[in-house]
């Protein structure tokens, strides 16, 4: 069930959360982040990386999110488990 956004669209908050470095929400949330998302351990994605994945083979939000999960940036907390936790909090 898609709780936070319209079907077929990637929530801006998800994209913000994978780029920012607000791990664990120890600081106040911005307007781009969803209030119910309580865990954000992923950081370090670049907008250019996300944009480059938006090619002809990316036909759905799930496809993009799968591509992103296969190319985690380096970083202690950038694990597939943390990515999947954040992903599930946004309904994917």
Protein backbone atom coordinates (compact mmCIF):
# COMPACT_ATOMS: atom_id res chain seq x y z
CA UNK A 1 0.00 0.00 0.00
CA UNK A 2 1.36 3.41 -0.93
CA UNK A 3 0.84 5.58 2.11
CA UNK A 4 2.87 8.71 1.51
CA UNK A 5 2.52 9.53 -2.15
CA UNK A 6 0.55 9.03 -5.30
CA UNK A 7 0.99 5.69 -7.05
CA UNK A 8 3.77 5.75 -9.63
CA UNK A 9 5.65 8.68 -8.13
CA UNK A 10 8.78 8.65 -6.00
CA UNK A 11 8.35 10.78 -2.88
CA UNK A 12 10.66 13.79 -2.77
CA UNK A 13 11.37 12.96 0.87
CA UNK A 14 12.84 9.58 -0.08
CA UNK A 15 15.22 11.21 -2.55
CA UNK A 16 16.15 13.83 0.03
CA UNK A 17 16.73 11.18 2.70
CA UNK A 18 19.16 9.15 0.58
CA UNK A 19 21.20 12.27 -0.22
CA UNK A 20 21.30 14.00 3.16
CA UNK A 21 23.43 13.16 6.17
CA UNK A 22 20.75 13.44 8.85
CA UNK A 23 21.40 9.95 10.17
CA UNK A 24 19.03 8.73 12.83
CA UNK A 25 17.07 11.99 12.90
CA UNK A 26 19.06 13.60 15.66
CA UNK A 27 18.26 16.99 14.18
CA UNK A 28 14.91 18.58 13.26
CA UNK A 29 13.34 17.37 10.03
CA UNK A 30 13.02 19.59 7.00
CA UNK A 31 9.83 20.16 5.05
CA UNK A 32 11.02 17.61 2.47
CA UNK A 33 10.96 14.72 4.92
CA UNK A 34 7.87 12.78 5.89
CA UNK A 35 6.92 13.03 9.57
CA UNK A 36 6.36 9.26 9.93
CA UNK A 37 9.79 8.32 8.61
CA UNK A 38 11.74 7.67 11.78
CA UNK A 39 14.93 6.10 10.48
CA UNK A 40 17.29 7.61 7.93
CA UNK A 41 20.71 6.00 8.05
CA UNK A 42 21.37 6.28 4.30
CA UNK A 43 23.35 9.22 2.92
CA UNK A 44 25.75 10.13 0.19
CA UNK A 45 23.78 9.67 -3.00
CA UNK A 46 24.33 12.49 -5.48
CA UNK A 47 21.55 14.02 -7.57
CA UNK A 48 23.64 13.30 -10.67
CA UNK A 49 23.74 9.59 -9.77
CA UNK A 50 19.97 9.45 -9.35
CA UNK A 51 19.47 11.34 -12.61
CA UNK A 52 21.79 8.97 -14.50
CA UNK A 53 19.63 6.02 -13.43
CA UNK A 54 16.61 7.65 -15.10
CA UNK A 55 17.30 6.09 -18.46
CA UNK A 56 15.05 4.17 -20.86
CA UNK A 57 15.13 1.06 -18.69
CA UNK A 58 13.70 2.90 -15.67
CA UNK A 59 9.97 2.51 -16.15
CA UNK A 60 8.71 2.69 -12.57
CA UNK A 61 9.66 3.96 -9.12
CA UNK A 62 10.48 0.38 -8.07
CA UNK A 63 12.96 0.06 -10.92
CA UNK A 64 14.76 3.23 -9.86
CA UNK A 65 14.79 2.24 -6.20
CA UNK A 66 16.16 -1.21 -7.11
CA UNK A 67 18.94 0.39 -9.16
CA UNK A 68 19.80 2.68 -6.26
CA UNK A 69 19.90 -0.20 -3.80
CA UNK A 70 22.43 -1.97 -6.01
CA UNK A 71 24.78 1.06 -5.99
CA UNK A 72 25.05 2.08 -2.34
CA UNK A 73 27.52 4.91 -1.71
CA UNK A 74 30.41 4.10 0.60
CA UNK A 75 29.73 4.78 4.25
CA UNK A 76 29.38 2.89 7.51
CA UNK A 77 25.58 3.07 7.66
CA UNK A 78 24.97 2.59 3.93
CA UNK A 79 23.93 -1.04 4.14
CA UNK A 80 21.24 -2.84 2.20
CA UNK A 81 19.38 -3.43 5.49
CA UNK A 82 19.27 0.31 6.26
CA UNK A 83 18.30 1.11 2.65
CA UNK A 84 15.46 -1.42 2.80
CA UNK A 85 14.25 -0.02 6.13
CA UNK A 86 14.06 3.49 4.68
CA UNK A 87 12.47 2.13 1.51
CA UNK A 88 9.75 0.30 3.45
CA UNK A 89 8.99 3.39 5.54
CA UNK A 90 8.08 5.14 2.28
CA UNK A 91 5.88 2.25 1.18
CA UNK A 92 8.19 0.46 -1.24
